[in-house]
């Protein structure tokens, strides 16, 4: 088993992708290993996806498992900032 897992977010992370992402995040949560979320490809992200990511990050924090970001796109950071969850997600400024 690897000592960390990387999750790649789709460039168009909309509500249509939210269900699939929810399943991937649940699997990652069950593994209880450090997670790296690659947000480099994001060109559009819906509130539903940001809510999922927020819930996931909060749950991981409660269990003491780290979540980090790999090259989050400007669009991802801006959308998270607009929603007021940028700091809560641990995204860079």
N, C-alpha and C. Protein backbone atom coordinates (compact mmCIF):
# COMPACT_ATOMS: atom_id res chain seq x y z
N UNK A 1 0.84 -1.18 0.00
CA UNK A 1 0.00 0.00 0.00
C UNK A 1 0.88 1.24 0.00
N UNK A 2 0.49 2.21 -0.78
CA UNK A 2 1.24 3.46 -0.86
C UNK A 2 1.05 4.27 0.42
N UNK A 3 2.01 5.15 0.69
CA UNK A 3 1.92 5.96 1.90
C UNK A 3 1.19 7.28 1.65
N UNK A 4 0.69 7.50 0.43
CA UNK A 4 -0.15 8.65 0.13
C UNK A 4 -0.94 8.36 -1.15
N UNK A 5 -1.99 9.13 -1.34
CA UNK A 5 -2.86 8.96 -2.50
C UNK A 5 -3.07 10.30 -3.15
N UNK A 6 -3.04 10.33 -4.48
CA UNK A 6 -3.29 11.56 -5.21
C UNK A 6 -4.63 11.48 -5.93
N UNK A 7 -5.41 12.55 -5.80
CA UNK A 7 -6.70 12.65 -6.47
C UNK A 7 -6.61 13.81 -7.46
N UNK A 8 -6.87 13.51 -8.72
CA UNK A 8 -6.83 14.52 -9.77
C UNK A 8 -8.24 15.03 -10.02
N UNK A 9 -8.43 16.34 -9.90
CA UNK A 9 -9.72 16.95 -10.18
C UNK A 9 -9.83 17.24 -11.67
N UNK A 10 -11.02 17.02 -12.22
CA UNK A 10 -11.25 17.26 -13.64
C UNK A 10 -11.26 18.75 -13.96
N UNK A 11 -10.91 19.10 -15.19
CA UNK A 11 -10.85 20.51 -15.58
C UNK A 11 -12.21 21.19 -15.41
N UNK A 12 -13.27 20.51 -15.78
CA UNK A 12 -14.62 21.04 -15.60
C UNK A 12 -15.25 20.27 -14.44
N UNK A 13 -15.02 20.74 -13.24
CA UNK A 13 -15.52 20.06 -12.05
C UNK A 13 -16.87 20.63 -11.65
N UNK A 14 -17.90 20.14 -12.33
CA UNK A 14 -19.25 20.61 -12.11
C UNK A 14 -20.08 19.59 -11.36
N UNK A 15 -21.35 19.90 -11.26
CA UNK A 15 -22.26 19.04 -10.51
C UNK A 15 -22.33 17.64 -11.12
N UNK A 16 -22.15 17.54 -12.41
CA UNK A 16 -22.18 16.23 -13.07
C UNK A 16 -21.04 15.33 -12.59
N UNK A 17 -19.93 15.93 -12.17
CA UNK A 17 -18.78 15.16 -11.70
C UNK A 17 -18.81 14.95 -10.18
N UNK A 18 -19.72 15.62 -9.50
CA UNK A 18 -19.74 15.60 -8.03
C UNK A 18 -19.97 14.20 -7.46
N UNK A 19 -20.85 13.43 -8.06
CA UNK A 19 -21.13 12.09 -7.52
C UNK A 19 -19.91 11.18 -7.63
N UNK A 20 -19.25 11.21 -8.77
CA UNK A 20 -18.04 10.41 -8.95
C UNK A 20 -16.96 10.86 -7.97
N UNK A 21 -16.79 12.17 -7.83
CA UNK A 21 -15.79 12.69 -6.90
C UNK A 21 -16.12 12.28 -5.47
N UNK A 22 -17.39 12.33 -5.11
CA UNK A 22 -17.80 11.93 -3.75
C UNK A 22 -17.37 10.49 -3.46
N UNK A 23 -17.53 9.61 -4.43
CA UNK A 23 -17.11 8.22 -4.26
C UNK A 23 -15.61 8.10 -4.10
N UNK A 24 -14.87 8.85 -4.90
CA UNK A 24 -13.41 8.81 -4.82
C UNK A 24 -12.93 9.35 -3.47
N UNK A 25 -13.57 10.42 -3.00
CA UNK A 25 -13.18 10.99 -1.71
C UNK A 25 -13.52 10.04 -0.56
N UNK A 26 -14.65 9.35 -0.66
CA UNK A 26 -15.02 8.37 0.37
C UNK A 26 -13.99 7.23 0.43
N UNK A 27 -13.59 6.74 -0.73
CA UNK A 27 -12.56 5.69 -0.77
C UNK A 27 -11.26 6.18 -0.14
N UNK A 28 -10.88 7.41 -0.46
CA UNK A 28 -9.66 7.99 0.09
C UNK A 28 -9.77 8.13 1.60
N UNK A 29 -10.93 8.56 2.09
CA UNK A 29 -11.14 8.72 3.53
C UNK A 29 -10.98 7.37 4.24
N UNK A 30 -11.51 6.33 3.65
CA UNK A 30 -11.45 5.00 4.26
C UNK A 30 -10.02 4.47 4.37
N UNK A 31 -9.14 4.91 3.48
CA UNK A 31 -7.75 4.44 3.49
C UNK A 31 -6.92 5.08 4.60
N UNK A 32 -7.35 6.23 5.09
CA UNK A 32 -6.66 6.93 6.20
C UNK A 32 -5.17 7.14 5.94
N UNK A 33 -4.84 7.56 4.72
CA UNK A 33 -3.46 7.91 4.39
C UNK A 33 -3.45 9.34 3.87
N UNK A 34 -2.31 10.02 3.92
CA UNK A 34 -2.25 11.40 3.41
C UNK A 34 -2.72 11.50 1.96
N UNK A 35 -3.44 12.56 1.69
CA UNK A 35 -4.03 12.78 0.37
C UNK A 35 -3.45 14.04 -0.25
N UNK A 36 -3.16 13.96 -1.53
CA UNK A 36 -2.75 15.12 -2.32
C UNK A 36 -3.84 15.32 -3.36
N UNK A 37 -4.41 16.52 -3.38
CA UNK A 37 -5.44 16.84 -4.36
C UNK A 37 -4.79 17.70 -5.44
N UNK A 38 -4.82 17.19 -6.67
CA UNK A 38 -4.24 17.90 -7.81
C UNK A 38 -5.34 18.74 -8.45
N UNK A 39 -5.27 20.04 -8.25
CA UNK A 39 -6.26 20.95 -8.81
C UNK A 39 -5.72 21.76 -9.96
N UNK A 40 -4.63 21.30 -10.56
CA UNK A 40 -3.95 22.07 -11.61
C UNK A 40 -4.77 22.19 -12.89
N UNK A 41 -5.64 21.21 -13.17
CA UNK A 41 -6.37 21.21 -14.43
C UNK A 41 -7.68 22.01 -14.38
N UNK A 42 -8.10 22.41 -13.19
CA UNK A 42 -9.41 23.04 -13.05
C UNK A 42 -9.50 24.36 -13.80
N UNK A 43 -10.52 24.44 -14.68
CA UNK A 43 -10.84 25.68 -15.36
C UNK A 43 -12.21 26.19 -14.91
N UNK A 44 -13.02 25.28 -14.33
CA UNK A 44 -14.34 25.64 -13.79
C UNK A 44 -14.68 24.68 -12.67
N UNK A 45 -15.19 25.24 -11.56
CA UNK A 45 -15.56 24.40 -10.43
C UNK A 45 -16.87 24.91 -9.83
N UNK A 46 -17.81 24.01 -9.63
CA UNK A 46 -19.10 24.36 -9.05
C UNK A 46 -19.05 24.36 -7.53
N UNK A 47 -20.01 25.05 -6.95
CA UNK A 47 -20.14 25.10 -5.50
C UNK A 47 -20.28 23.70 -4.92
N UNK A 48 -20.99 22.82 -5.59
CA UNK A 48 -21.20 21.45 -5.07
C UNK A 48 -19.87 20.72 -4.89
N UNK A 49 -18.95 20.92 -5.81
CA UNK A 49 -17.63 20.28 -5.70
C UNK A 49 -16.83 20.90 -4.57
N UNK A 50 -16.90 22.22 -4.44
CA UNK A 50 -16.19 22.88 -3.33
C UNK A 50 -16.76 22.43 -1.98
N UNK A 51 -18.07 22.22 -1.91
CA UNK A 51 -18.68 21.72 -0.67
C UNK A 51 -18.18 20.32 -0.34
N UNK A 52 -18.10 19.48 -1.35
CA UNK A 52 -17.56 18.12 -1.14
C UNK A 52 -16.12 18.17 -0.64
N UNK A 53 -15.32 19.00 -1.29
CA UNK A 53 -13.92 19.12 -0.89
C UNK A 53 -13.78 19.66 0.53
N UNK A 54 -14.63 20.62 0.87
CA UNK A 54 -14.61 21.17 2.22
C UNK A 54 -14.96 20.09 3.25
N UNK A 55 -16.04 19.35 3.01
CA UNK A 55 -16.45 18.28 3.93
C UNK A 55 -15.35 17.24 4.08
N UNK A 56 -14.74 16.88 2.97
CA UNK A 56 -13.67 15.89 2.98
C UNK A 56 -12.48 16.39 3.79
N UNK A 57 -12.05 17.62 3.53
CA UNK A 57 -10.89 18.18 4.24
C UNK A 57 -11.17 18.27 5.74
N UNK A 58 -12.39 18.68 6.10
CA UNK A 58 -12.75 18.78 7.52
C UNK A 58 -12.74 17.40 8.18
N UNK A 59 -13.28 16.40 7.50
CA UNK A 59 -13.31 15.04 8.06
C UNK A 59 -11.89 14.48 8.21
N UNK A 60 -11.05 14.73 7.22
CA UNK A 60 -9.68 14.25 7.29
C UNK A 60 -8.93 14.93 8.44
N UNK A 61 -9.17 16.22 8.61
CA UNK A 61 -8.52 16.96 9.69
C UNK A 61 -8.93 16.38 11.04
N UNK A 62 -10.21 16.06 11.20
CA UNK A 62 -10.71 15.47 12.44
C UNK A 62 -10.02 14.15 12.77
N UNK A 63 -9.66 13.40 11.74
CA UNK A 63 -9.00 12.11 11.97
C UNK A 63 -7.48 12.24 12.03
N UNK A 64 -6.99 13.46 11.78
CA UNK A 64 -5.54 13.68 11.87
C UNK A 64 -4.76 13.27 10.64
N UNK A 65 -5.46 13.08 9.51
CA UNK A 65 -4.80 12.69 8.27
C UNK A 65 -4.67 13.94 7.38
N UNK A 66 -3.48 14.15 6.84
CA UNK A 66 -3.22 15.38 6.09
C UNK A 66 -3.80 15.35 4.67
N UNK A 67 -4.22 16.53 4.25
CA UNK A 67 -4.66 16.78 2.88
C UNK A 67 -3.85 17.97 2.38
N UNK A 68 -3.19 17.81 1.24
CA UNK A 68 -2.44 18.91 0.67
C UNK A 68 -2.84 19.09 -0.79
N UNK A 69 -2.45 20.21 -1.34
CA UNK A 69 -2.81 20.57 -2.70
C UNK A 69 -1.58 20.57 -3.60
N UNK A 70 -1.78 20.08 -4.82
CA UNK A 70 -0.74 20.10 -5.84
C UNK A 70 -1.19 21.07 -6.93
N UNK A 71 -0.49 22.18 -7.02
CA UNK A 71 -0.71 23.17 -8.07
C UNK A 71 -2.17 23.54 -8.29
N UNK A 72 -2.88 24.02 -7.26
CA UNK A 72 -4.27 24.42 -7.49
C UNK A 72 -4.34 25.58 -8.47
N UNK A 73 -5.24 25.47 -9.44
CA UNK A 73 -5.36 26.51 -10.47
C UNK A 73 -5.88 27.82 -9.87
N UNK A 74 -5.63 28.89 -10.58
CA UNK A 74 -6.14 30.19 -10.16
C UNK A 74 -7.67 30.17 -10.09
N UNK A 75 -8.30 29.47 -11.02
CA UNK A 75 -9.76 29.38 -11.04
C UNK A 75 -10.28 28.69 -9.79
N UNK A 76 -9.62 27.61 -9.38
CA UNK A 76 -10.01 26.90 -8.16
C UNK A 76 -9.86 27.81 -6.95
N UNK A 77 -8.73 28.46 -6.84
CA UNK A 77 -8.48 29.35 -5.70
C UNK A 77 -9.46 30.51 -5.66
N UNK A 78 -9.76 31.08 -6.82
CA UNK A 78 -10.69 32.21 -6.88
C UNK A 78 -12.10 31.76 -6.49
N UNK A 79 -12.54 30.62 -7.01
CA UNK A 79 -13.88 30.12 -6.68
C UNK A 79 -14.00 29.83 -5.19
N UNK A 80 -12.97 29.23 -4.61
CA UNK A 80 -12.97 28.94 -3.18
C UNK A 80 -12.97 30.23 -2.37
N UNK A 81 -12.23 31.22 -2.83
CA UNK A 81 -12.18 32.51 -2.16
C UNK A 81 -13.55 33.20 -2.23
N UNK A 82 -14.19 33.15 -3.38
CA UNK A 82 -15.51 33.75 -3.55
C UNK A 82 -16.54 33.12 -2.63
N UNK A 83 -16.38 31.83 -2.37
CA UNK A 83 -17.32 31.10 -1.51
C UNK A 83 -16.93 31.21 -0.03
N UNK A 84 -15.74 31.74 0.23
CA UNK A 84 -15.30 31.91 1.61
C UNK A 84 -14.70 30.66 2.24
N UNK A 85 -14.25 29.71 1.40
CA UNK A 85 -13.70 28.46 1.94
C UNK A 85 -12.23 28.24 1.58
N UNK A 86 -11.59 29.24 1.01
CA UNK A 86 -10.20 29.09 0.56
C UNK A 86 -9.29 28.70 1.72
N UNK A 87 -9.38 29.43 2.81
CA UNK A 87 -8.54 29.14 3.98
C UNK A 87 -8.92 27.80 4.60
N UNK A 88 -10.22 27.53 4.67
CA UNK A 88 -10.69 26.28 5.26
C UNK A 88 -10.21 25.06 4.46
N UNK A 89 -10.05 25.24 3.14
CA UNK A 89 -9.54 24.16 2.31
C UNK A 89 -8.02 24.06 2.34
N UNK A 90 -7.39 25.07 2.89
CA UNK A 90 -5.93 25.07 2.94
C UNK A 90 -5.30 25.45 1.63
N UNK A 91 -6.03 26.18 0.80
CA UNK A 91 -5.48 26.62 -0.48
C UNK A 91 -4.57 27.82 -0.28
N UNK A 92 -3.54 27.94 -1.11
CA UNK A 92 -2.61 29.07 -0.97
C UNK A 92 -3.25 30.38 -1.40
N UNK A 93 -2.68 31.45 -0.91
CA UNK A 93 -3.21 32.78 -1.24
C UNK A 93 -2.57 33.34 -2.47
